[in-house]
Amino acid sequence: SVLMHPDGRTHQIKLQGTRVGKSNKRSIRLDPISGDSPFYTVLTEVPPDTILLNEVDKATNKVIFTASVSIADQDELVQISKDVDADGRSEDGHKV
């Protein structure tokens, strides 16, 4: 994953993953290889056509960002994302 800041700086994060949950093999937890990030990511498949992404604060295990990508039709993807505040409420987000 590469994050580009508005000033042009880039930050690269390499992740490794493991499946999570005993009954739900549709989720993967991705942790930064370097271990210096305070966050981890959980990707979950929601059949038939959606992937959920949650970024989680390691210290509190609270979701801080959530997004979904769905296949709307053969040539269109829909992405919805939201930042989540400390109380678990969604803040401003966007739909692409």
PDB file of N, CA and C in Angstrom:
ATOM      1  N   SER A   1       0.847  -1.168   0.000  1.00  0.00           N
ATOM      2  CA  SER A   1       0.000   0.000   0.000  1.00  0.00           C
ATOM      3  C   SER A   1       0.894   1.234   0.000  1.00  0.00           C
ATOM      4  N   VAL A   2       0.559   2.217  -0.802  1.00  0.00           N
ATOM      5  CA  VAL A   2       1.331   3.459  -0.853  1.00  0.00           C
ATOM      6  C   VAL A   2       0.388   4.622  -0.599  1.00  0.00           C
ATOM      7  N   LEU A   3       0.751   5.473   0.351  1.00  0.00           N
ATOM      8  CA  LEU A   3      -0.002   6.673   0.675  1.00  0.00           C
ATOM      9  C   LEU A   3       0.772   7.863   0.143  1.00  0.00           C
ATOM     10  N   MET A   4       0.127   8.707  -0.652  1.00  0.00           N
ATOM     11  CA  MET A   4       0.781   9.914  -1.141  1.00  0.00           C
ATOM     12  C   MET A   4       0.184  11.118  -0.433  1.00  0.00           C
ATOM     13  N   HIS A   5       1.039  11.893   0.231  1.00  0.00           N
ATOM     14  CA  HIS A   5       0.618  13.094   0.944  1.00  0.00           C
ATOM     15  C   HIS A   5       0.433  14.240  -0.044  1.00  0.00           C
ATOM     16  N   PRO A   6      -0.366  15.244   0.312  1.00  0.00           N
ATOM     17  CA  PRO A   6      -0.582  16.387  -0.587  1.00  0.00           C
ATOM     18  C   PRO A   6       0.717  17.104  -0.990  1.00  0.00           C
ATOM     19  N   ASP A   7       1.731  17.050  -0.139  1.00  0.00           N
ATOM     20  CA  ASP A   7       2.991  17.719  -0.481  1.00  0.00           C
ATOM     21  C   ASP A   7       3.893  16.862  -1.361  1.00  0.00           C
ATOM     22  N   GLY A   8       3.414  15.681  -1.795  1.00  0.00           N
ATOM     23  CA  GLY A   8       4.167  14.833  -2.698  1.00  0.00           C
ATOM     24  C   GLY A   8       4.952  13.719  -2.030  1.00  0.00           C
ATOM     25  N   ARG A   9       5.091  13.771  -0.699  1.00  0.00           N
ATOM     26  CA  ARG A   9       5.785  12.688   0.002  1.00  0.00           C
ATOM     27  C   ARG A   9       4.968  11.405  -0.119  1.00  0.00           C
ATOM     28  N   THR A  10       5.653  10.268  -0.136  1.00  0.00           N
ATOM     29  CA  THR A  10       4.955   8.981  -0.164  1.00  0.00           C
ATOM     30  C   THR A  10       5.373   8.146   1.042  1.00  0.00           C
ATOM     31  N   HIS A  11       4.476   7.292   1.445  1.00  0.00           N
ATOM     32  CA  HIS A  11       4.714   6.391   2.569  1.00  0.00           C
ATOM     33  C   HIS A  11       4.240   5.004   2.132  1.00  0.00           C
ATOM     34  N   GLN A  12       5.164   4.046   2.083  1.00  0.00           N
ATOM     35  CA  GLN A  12       4.824   2.698   1.652  1.00  0.00           C
ATOM     36  C   GLN A  12       4.671   1.788   2.862  1.00  0.00           C
ATOM     37  N   ILE A  13       3.594   1.015   2.868  1.00  0.00           N
ATOM     38  CA  ILE A  13       3.333   0.067   3.943  1.00  0.00           C
ATOM     39  C   ILE A  13       3.166  -1.316   3.324  1.00  0.00           C
ATOM     40  N   LYS A  14       3.955  -2.271   3.780  1.00  0.00           N
ATOM     41  CA  LYS A  14       3.820  -3.653   3.334  1.00  0.00           C
ATOM     42  C   LYS A  14       3.031  -4.410   4.389  1.00  0.00           C
ATOM     43  N   LEU A  15       2.059  -5.196   3.932  1.00  0.00           N
ATOM     44  CA  LEU A  15       1.164  -5.908   4.834  1.00  0.00           C
ATOM     45  C   LEU A  15       1.284  -7.412   4.623  1.00  0.00           C
ATOM     46  N   GLN A  16       1.026  -8.152   5.703  1.00  0.00           N
ATOM     47  CA  GLN A  16       0.896  -9.602   5.592  1.00  0.00           C
ATOM     48  C   GLN A  16      -0.395  -9.994   6.281  1.00  0.00           C
ATOM     49  N   GLY A  17      -1.019 -11.082   5.800  1.00  0.00           N
ATOM     50  CA  GLY A  17      -2.337 -11.395   6.300  1.00  0.00           C
ATOM     51  C   GLY A  17      -2.523 -12.803   6.802  1.00  0.00           C
ATOM     52  N   THR A  18      -3.540 -12.949   7.647  1.00  0.00           N
ATOM     53  CA  THR A  18      -3.971 -14.245   8.146  1.00  0.00           C
ATOM     54  C   THR A  18      -5.498 -14.246   8.162  1.00  0.00           C
ATOM     55  N   ARG A  19      -6.073 -15.407   7.922  1.00  0.00           N
ATOM     56  CA  ARG A  19      -7.530 -15.525   8.006  1.00  0.00           C
ATOM     57  C   ARG A  19      -7.956 -15.413   9.469  1.00  0.00           C
ATOM     58  N   VAL A  20      -9.113 -14.790   9.687  1.00  0.00           N
ATOM     59  CA  VAL A  20      -9.614 -14.618  11.053  1.00  0.00           C
ATOM     60  C   VAL A  20     -10.984 -15.252  11.188  1.00  0.00           C
ATOM     61  N   GLY A  21     -11.309 -15.660  12.385  1.00  0.00           N
ATOM     62  CA  GLY A  21     -12.610 -16.252  12.673  1.00  0.00           C
ATOM     63  C   GLY A  21     -12.640 -17.726  12.351  1.00  0.00           C
ATOM     64  N   LYS A  22     -13.240 -18.521  13.234  1.00  0.00           N
ATOM     65  CA  LYS A  22     -13.285 -19.966  13.027  1.00  0.00           C
ATOM     66  C   LYS A  22     -14.367 -20.359  12.040  1.00  0.00           C
ATOM     67  N   SER A  23     -15.525 -19.727  12.121  1.00  0.00           N
ATOM     68  CA  SER A  23     -16.612 -20.108  11.224  1.00  0.00           C
ATOM     69  C   SER A  23     -16.646 -19.253   9.963  1.00  0.00           C
ATOM     70  N   ASN A  24     -16.042 -18.075  10.019  1.00  0.00           N
ATOM     71  CA  ASN A  24     -16.082 -17.167   8.879  1.00  0.00           C
ATOM     72  C   ASN A  24     -14.707 -17.095   8.240  1.00  0.00           C
ATOM     73  N   LYS A  25     -14.486 -17.852   7.208  1.00  0.00           N
ATOM     74  CA  LYS A  25     -13.195 -17.852   6.516  1.00  0.00           C
ATOM     75  C   LYS A  25     -13.170 -16.800   5.412  1.00  0.00           C
ATOM     76  N   ARG A  26     -14.111 -15.870   5.438  1.00  0.00           N
ATOM     77  CA  ARG A  26     -14.178 -14.830   4.425  1.00  0.00           C
ATOM     78  C   ARG A  26     -13.449 -13.562   4.848  1.00  0.00           C
ATOM     79  N   SER A  27     -12.836 -13.531   6.031  1.00  0.00           N
ATOM     80  CA  SER A  27     -12.129 -12.343   6.512  1.00  0.00           C
ATOM     81  C   SER A  27     -10.635 -12.599   6.619  1.00  0.00           C
ATOM     82  N   ILE A  28      -9.870 -11.566   6.300  1.00  0.00           N
ATOM     83  CA  ILE A  28      -8.414 -11.620   6.405  1.00  0.00           C
ATOM     84  C   ILE A  28      -7.955 -10.391   7.175  1.00  0.00           C
ATOM     85  N   ARG A  29      -7.098 -10.602   8.183  1.00  0.00           N
ATOM     86  CA  ARG A  29      -6.493  -9.502   8.921  1.00  0.00           C
ATOM     87  C   ARG A  29      -5.121  -9.219   8.318  1.00  0.00           C
ATOM     88  N   LEU A  30      -4.881  -7.965   7.965  1.00  0.00           N
ATOM     89  CA  LEU A  30      -3.614  -7.547   7.388  1.00  0.00           C
ATOM     90  C   LEU A  30      -2.884  -6.654   8.383  1.00  0.00           C
ATOM     91  N   ASP A  31      -1.678  -7.064   8.759  1.00  0.00           N
ATOM     92  CA  ASP A  31      -0.843  -6.297   9.679  1.00  0.00           C
ATOM     93  C   ASP A  31       0.386  -5.782   8.936  1.00  0.00           C
ATOM     94  N   PRO A  32       0.833  -4.553   9.254  1.00  0.00           N
ATOM     95  CA  PRO A  32       2.061  -4.049   8.654  1.00  0.00           C
ATOM     96  C   PRO A  32       3.232  -4.945   9.044  1.00  0.00           C
ATOM     97  N   ILE A  33       4.080  -5.285   8.065  1.00  0.00           N
ATOM     98  CA  ILE A  33       5.240  -6.132   8.322  1.00  0.00           C
ATOM     99  C   ILE A  33       6.201  -5.453   9.285  1.00  0.00           C
ATOM    100  N   SER A  34       6.344  -4.138   9.163  1.00  0.00           N
ATOM    101  CA  SER A  34       7.298  -3.416  10.007  1.00  0.00           C
ATOM    102  C   SER A  34       6.862  -3.368  11.468  1.00  0.00           C
ATOM    103  N   GLY A  35       5.566  -3.503  11.732  1.00  0.00           N
ATOM    104  CA  GLY A  35       5.070  -3.487  13.107  1.00  0.00           C
ATOM    105  C   GLY A  35       4.989  -2.115  13.734  1.00  0.00           C
ATOM    106  N   ASP A  36       5.351  -1.063  12.980  1.00  0.00           N
ATOM    107  CA  ASP A  36       5.372   0.271  13.574  1.00  0.00           C
ATOM    108  C   ASP A  36       4.070   1.048  13.399  1.00  0.00           C
ATOM    109  N   SER A  37       3.083   0.443  12.772  1.00  0.00           N
ATOM    110  CA  SER A  37       1.814   1.125  12.570  1.00  0.00           C
ATOM    111  C   SER A  37       0.876   0.844  13.737  1.00  0.00           C
ATOM    112  N   PRO A  38       0.107   1.851  14.159  1.00  0.00           N
ATOM    113  CA  PRO A  38      -0.867   1.630  15.235  1.00  0.00           C
ATOM    114  C   PRO A  38      -2.175   1.031  14.736  1.00  0.00           C
ATOM    115  N   PHE A  39      -2.232   0.664  13.459  1.00  0.00           N
ATOM    116  CA  PHE A  39      -3.464   0.173  12.859  1.00  0.00           C
ATOM    117  C   PHE A  39      -3.259  -1.175  12.187  1.00  0.00           C
ATOM    118  N   TYR A  40      -4.350  -1.924  12.033  1.00  0.00           N
ATOM    119  CA  TYR A  40      -4.364  -3.092  11.164  1.00  0.00           C
ATOM    120  C   TYR A  40      -5.634  -3.017  10.322  1.00  0.00           C
ATOM    121  N   THR A  41      -5.709  -3.833   9.288  1.00  0.00           N
ATOM    122  CA  THR A  41      -6.824  -3.801   8.350  1.00  0.00           C
ATOM    123  C   THR A  41      -7.492  -5.166   8.299  1.00  0.00           C
ATOM    124  N   VAL A  42      -8.817  -5.172   8.240  1.00  0.00           N
ATOM    125  CA  VAL A  42      -9.567  -6.414   8.055  1.00  0.00           C
ATOM    126  C   VAL A  42     -10.354  -6.294   6.754  1.00  0.00           C
ATOM    127  N   LEU A  43     -10.121  -7.242   5.846  1.00  0.00           N
ATOM    128  CA  LEU A  43     -10.881  -7.337   4.599  1.00  0.00           C
ATOM    129  C   LEU A  43     -11.869  -8.485   4.732  1.00  0.00           C
ATOM    130  N   THR A  44     -13.119  -8.248   4.350  1.00  0.00           N
ATOM    131  CA  THR A  44     -14.145  -9.275   4.449  1.00  0.00           C
ATOM    132  C   THR A  44     -14.926  -9.345   3.150  1.00  0.00           C
ATOM    133  N   GLU A  45     -15.071 -10.562   2.621  1.00  0.00           N
ATOM    134  CA  GLU A  45     -15.886 -10.779   1.428  1.00  0.00           C
ATOM    135  C   GLU A  45     -17.336 -10.932   1.861  1.00  0.00           C
ATOM    136  N   VAL A  46     -18.227 -10.189   1.206  1.00  0.00           N
ATOM    137  CA  VAL A  46     -19.655 -10.318   1.447  1.00  0.00           C
ATOM    138  C   VAL A  46     -20.285 -10.737   0.114  1.00  0.00           C
ATOM    139  N   PRO A  47     -20.541 -12.038  -0.040  1.00  0.00           N
ATOM    140  CA  PRO A  47     -21.063 -12.517  -1.313  1.00  0.00           C
ATOM    141  C   PRO A  47     -22.404 -11.856  -1.644  1.00  0.00           C
ATOM    142  N   PRO A  48     -22.737 -11.652  -2.891  1.00  0.00           N
ATOM    143  CA  PRO A  48     -21.947 -12.160  -4.004  1.00  0.00           C
ATOM    144  C   PRO A  48     -20.972 -11.145  -4.597  1.00  0.00           C
ATOM    145  N   ASP A  49     -20.983  -9.879  -4.131  1.00  0.00           N
ATOM    146  CA  ASP A  49     -20.291  -8.879  -4.935  1.00  0.00           C
ATOM    147  C   ASP A  49     -19.629  -7.735  -4.157  1.00  0.00           C
ATOM    148  N   THR A  50     -19.370  -7.918  -2.866  1.00  0.00           N
ATOM    149  CA  THR A  50     -18.872  -6.790  -2.063  1.00  0.00           C
ATOM    150  C   THR A  50     -17.665  -7.195  -1.224  1.00  0.00           C
ATOM    151  N   ILE A  51     -16.730  -6.258  -1.091  1.00  0.00           N
ATOM    152  CA  ILE A  51     -15.591  -6.393  -0.189  1.00  0.00           C
ATOM    153  C   ILE A  51     -15.687  -5.258   0.829  1.00  0.00           C
ATOM    154  N   LEU A  52     -15.618  -5.587   2.103  1.00  0.00           N
ATOM    155  CA  LEU A  52     -15.581  -4.589   3.174  1.00  0.00           C
ATOM    156  C   LEU A  52     -14.149  -4.431   3.653  1.00  0.00           C
ATOM    157  N   LEU A  53     -13.754  -3.213   3.958  1.00  0.00           N
ATOM    158  CA  LEU A  53     -12.429  -2.914   4.482  1.00  0.00           C
ATOM    159  C   LEU A  53     -12.611  -2.103   5.755  1.00  0.00           C
ATOM    160  N   ASN A  54     -12.040  -2.570   6.847  1.00  0.00           N
ATOM    161  CA  ASN A  54     -12.066  -1.829   8.112  1.00  0.00           C
ATOM    162  C   ASN A  54     -10.644  -1.619   8.603  1.00  0.00           C
ATOM    163  N   GLU A  55     -10.287  -0.368   8.875  1.00  0.00           N
ATOM    164  CA  GLU A  55      -9.017  -0.086   9.527  1.00  0.00           C
ATOM    165  C   GLU A  55      -9.303   0.016  11.017  1.00  0.00           C
ATOM    166  N   VAL A  56      -8.485  -0.678  11.814  1.00  0.00           N
ATOM    167  CA  VAL A  56      -8.745  -0.825  13.241  1.00  0.00           C
ATOM    168  C   VAL A  56      -7.562  -0.308  14.040  1.00  0.00           C
ATOM    169  N   ASP A  57      -7.833   0.459  15.093  1.00  0.00           N
ATOM    170  CA  ASP A  57      -6.805   0.942  16.013  1.00  0.00           C
ATOM    171  C   ASP A  57      -6.377  -0.232  16.887  1.00  0.00           C
ATOM    172  N   LYS A  58      -5.082  -0.583  16.848  1.00  0.00           N
ATOM    173  CA  LYS A  58      -4.586  -1.728  17.630  1.00  0.00           C
ATOM    174  C   LYS A  58      -4.793  -1.546  19.129  1.00  0.00           C
ATOM    175  N   ALA A  59      -4.642  -0.321  19.633  1.00  0.00           N
ATOM    176  CA  ALA A  59      -4.723  -0.073  21.077  1.00  0.00           C
ATOM    177  C   ALA A  59      -6.134  -0.268  21.621  1.00  0.00           C
ATOM    178  N   THR A  60      -7.147   0.101  20.833  1.00  0.00           N
ATOM    179  CA  THR A  60      -8.521   0.053  21.323  1.00  0.00           C
ATOM    180  C   THR A  60      -9.383  -1.001  20.633  1.00  0.00           C
ATOM    181  N   ASN A  61      -8.891  -1.553  19.519  1.00  0.00           N
ATOM    182  CA  ASN A  61      -9.662  -2.471  18.671  1.00  0.00           C
ATOM    183  C   ASN A  61     -10.936  -1.840  18.134  1.00  0.00           C
ATOM    184  N   LYS A  62     -10.929  -0.507  18.005  1.00  0.00           N
ATOM    185  CA  LYS A  62     -12.075   0.197  17.432  1.00  0.00           C
ATOM    186  C   LYS A  62     -11.813   0.503  15.966  1.00  0.00           C
ATOM    187  N   VAL A  63     -12.867   0.376  15.160  1.00  0.00           N
ATOM    188  CA  VAL A  63     -12.786   0.722  13.744  1.00  0.00           C
ATOM    189  C   VAL A  63     -12.661   2.241  13.624  1.00  0.00           C
ATOM    190  N   ILE A  64     -11.667   2.692  12.843  1.00  0.00           N
ATOM    191  CA  ILE A  64     -11.491   4.131  12.646  1.00  0.00           C
ATOM    192  C   ILE A  64     -11.819   4.566  11.224  1.00  0.00           C
ATOM    193  N   PHE A  65     -11.876   3.597  10.296  1.00  0.00           N
ATOM    194  CA  PHE A  65     -12.207   3.894   8.904  1.00  0.00           C
ATOM    195  C   PHE A  65     -12.864   2.652   8.329  1.00  0.00           C
ATOM    196  N   THR A  66     -13.920   2.850   7.570  1.00  0.00           N
ATOM    197  CA  THR A  66     -14.595   1.718   6.957  1.00  0.00           C
ATOM    198  C   THR A  66     -14.917   2.051   5.506  1.00  0.00           C
ATOM    199  N   ALA A  67     -14.834   1.054   4.654  1.00  0.00           N
ATOM    200  CA  ALA A  67     -15.130   1.247   3.238  1.00  0.00           C
ATOM    201  C   ALA A  67     -15.687  -0.043   2.664  1.00  0.00           C
ATOM    202  N   SER A  68     -16.406   0.098   1.571  1.00  0.00           N
ATOM    203  CA  SER A  68     -16.881  -1.064   0.831  1.00  0.00           C
ATOM    204  C   SER A  68     -16.702  -0.808  -0.655  1.00  0.00           C
ATOM    205  N   VAL A  69     -16.456  -1.878  -1.374  1.00  0.00           N
ATOM    206  CA  VAL A  69     -16.397  -1.824  -2.833  1.00  0.00           C
ATOM    207  C   VAL A  69     -17.334  -2.911  -3.332  1.00  0.00           C
ATOM    208  N   SER A  70     -18.284  -2.521  -4.180  1.00  0.00           N
ATOM    209  CA  SER A  70     -19.269  -3.465  -4.713  1.00  0.00           C
ATOM    210  C   SER A  70     -19.306  -3.392  -6.234  1.00  0.00           C
ATOM    211  N   ILE A  71     -19.608  -4.518  -6.841  1.00  0.00           N
ATOM    212  CA  ILE A  71     -19.823  -4.551  -8.284  1.00  0.00           C
ATOM    213  C   ILE A  71     -21.266  -4.130  -8.528  1.00  0.00           C
ATOM    214  N   ALA A  72     -21.437  -2.988  -9.211  1.00  0.00           N
ATOM    215  CA  ALA A  72     -22.787  -2.499  -9.489  1.00  0.00           C
ATOM    216  C   ALA A  72     -23.354  -3.141 -10.748  1.00  0.00           C
ATOM    217  N   ASP A  73     -22.532  -3.273 -11.754  1.00  0.00           N
ATOM    218  CA  ASP A  73     -22.871  -4.008 -12.967  1.00  0.00           C
ATOM    219  C   ASP A  73     -21.558  -4.430 -13.615  1.00  0.00           C
ATOM    220  N   GLN A  74     -21.627  -4.962 -14.806  1.00  0.00           N
ATOM    221  CA  GLN A  74     -20.439  -5.543 -15.439  1.00  0.00           C
ATOM    222  C   GLN A  74     -19.283  -4.554 -15.576  1.00  0.00           C
ATOM    223  N   ASP A  75     -19.570  -3.282 -15.766  1.00  0.00           N
ATOM    224  CA  ASP A  75     -18.528  -2.287 -16.007  1.00  0.00           C
ATOM    225  C   ASP A  75     -18.456  -1.208 -14.929  1.00  0.00           C
ATOM    226  N   GLU A  76     -19.027  -1.425 -13.756  1.00  0.00           N
ATOM    227  CA  GLU A  76     -19.073  -0.362 -12.755  1.00  0.00           C
ATOM    228  C   GLU A  76     -18.836  -0.905 -11.345  1.00  0.00           C
ATOM    229  N   LEU A  77     -17.953  -0.223 -10.623  1.00  0.00           N
ATOM    230  CA  LEU A  77     -17.737  -0.486  -9.203  1.00  0.00           C
ATOM    231  C   LEU A  77     -18.252   0.701  -8.413  1.00  0.00           C
ATOM    232  N   VAL A  78     -18.788   0.445  -7.232  1.00  0.00           N
ATOM    233  CA  VAL A  78     -19.230   1.511  -6.335  1.00  0.00           C
ATOM    234  C   VAL A  78     -18.426   1.386  -5.053  1.00  0.00           C
ATOM    235  N   GLN A  79     -17.791   2.503  -4.640  1.00  0.00           N
ATOM    236  CA  GLN A  79     -17.038   2.518  -3.389  1.00  0.00           C
ATOM    237  C   GLN A  79     -17.680   3.533  -2.456  1.00  0.00           C
ATOM    238  N   ILE A  80     -17.861   3.134  -1.205  1.00  0.00           N
ATOM    239  CA  ILE A  80     -18.361   4.028  -0.168  1.00  0.00           C
ATOM    240  C   ILE A  80     -17.382   3.929   0.995  1.00  0.00           C
ATOM    241  N   SER A  81     -16.969   5.080   1.534  1.00  0.00           N
ATOM    242  CA  SER A  81     -16.031   5.052   2.663  1.00  0.00           C
ATOM    243  C   SER A  81     -16.405   6.112   3.679  1.00  0.00           C
ATOM    244  N   LYS A  82     -16.089   5.827   4.933  1.00  0.00           N
ATOM    245  CA  LYS A  82     -16.412   6.734   6.041  1.00  0.00           C
ATOM    246  C   LYS A  82     -15.312   6.687   7.086  1.00  0.00           C
ATOM    247  N   ASP A  83     -14.965   7.835   7.637  1.00  0.00           N
ATOM    248  CA  ASP A  83     -14.149   7.873   8.846  1.00  0.00           C
ATOM    249  C   ASP A  83     -15.098   7.648  10.011  1.00  0.00           C
ATOM    250  N   VAL A  84     -14.596   7.052  11.073  1.00  0.00           N
ATOM    251  CA  VAL A  84     -15.420   6.746  12.242  1.00  0.00           C
ATOM    252  C   VAL A  84     -14.840   7.493  13.434  1.00  0.00           C
ATOM    253  N   ASP A  85     -15.703   8.184  14.194  1.00  0.00           N
ATOM    254  CA  ASP A  85     -15.199   8.948  15.336  1.00  0.00           C
ATOM    255  C   ASP A  85     -15.000   8.048  16.564  1.00  0.00           C
ATOM    256  N   ALA A  86     -14.529   8.615  17.650  1.00  0.00           N
ATOM    257  CA  ALA A  86     -14.196   7.857  18.856  1.00  0.00           C
ATOM    258  C   ALA A  86     -15.406   7.154  19.470  1.00  0.00           C
ATOM    259  N   ASP A  87     -16.615   7.654  19.176  1.00  0.00           N
ATOM    260  CA  ASP A  87     -17.830   7.037  19.709  1.00  0.00           C
ATOM    261  C   ASP A  87     -18.430   6.001  18.764  1.00  0.00           C
ATOM    262  N   GLY A  88     -17.734   5.734  17.652  1.00  0.00           N
ATOM    263  CA  GLY A  88     -18.215   4.743  16.705  1.00  0.00           C
ATOM    264  C   GLY A  88     -19.203   5.273  15.692  1.00  0.00           C
ATOM    265  N   ARG A  89     -19.406   6.590  15.667  1.00  0.00           N
ATOM    266  CA  ARG A  89     -20.309   7.195  14.690  1.00  0.00           C
ATOM    267  C   ARG A  89     -19.523   7.549  13.436  1.00  0.00           C
ATOM    268  N   SER A  90     -20.177   7.448  12.301  1.00  0.00           N
ATOM    269  CA  SER A  90     -19.493   7.799  11.057  1.00  0.00           C
ATOM    270  C   SER A  90     -19.402   9.305  10.923  1.00  0.00           C
ATOM    271  N   GLU A  91     -18.247   9.735  10.442  1.00  0.00           N
ATOM    272  CA  GLU A  91     -18.038  11.143  10.145  1.00  0.00           C
ATOM    273  C   GLU A  91     -18.232  11.320   8.650  1.00  0.00           C
ATOM    274  N   ASP A  92     -17.796  12.462   8.120  1.00  0.00           N
ATOM    275  CA  ASP A  92     -17.935  12.707   6.686  1.00  0.00           C
ATOM    276  C   ASP A  92     -17.305  11.575   5.889  1.00  0.00           C
ATOM    277  N   GLY A  93     -17.925  11.224   4.815  1.00  0.00           N
ATOM    278  CA  GLY A  93     -17.409  10.170   3.953  1.00  0.00           C
ATOM    279  C   GLY A  93     -17.644  10.544   2.507  1.00  0.00           C
ATOM    280  N   HIS A  94     -17.388   9.603   1.637  1.00  0.00           N
ATOM    281  CA  HIS A  94     -17.633   9.864   0.226  1.00  0.00           C
ATOM    282  C   HIS A  94     -18.035   8.590  -0.490  1.00  0.00           C
ATOM    283  N   LYS A  95     -18.705   8.796  -1.610  1.00  0.00           N
ATOM    284  CA  LYS A  95     -19.117   7.702  -2.473  1.00  0.00           C
ATOM    285  C   LYS A  95     -18.503   7.961  -3.828  1.00  0.00           C
ATOM    286  N   VAL A  96     -17.849   6.962  -4.398  1.00  0.00           N
ATOM    287  CA  VAL A  96     -17.194   7.128  -5.699  1.00  0.00           C
ATOM    288  C   VAL A  96     -17.912   6.266  -6.714  1.00  0.00           C
TER     289      VAL A  96
END
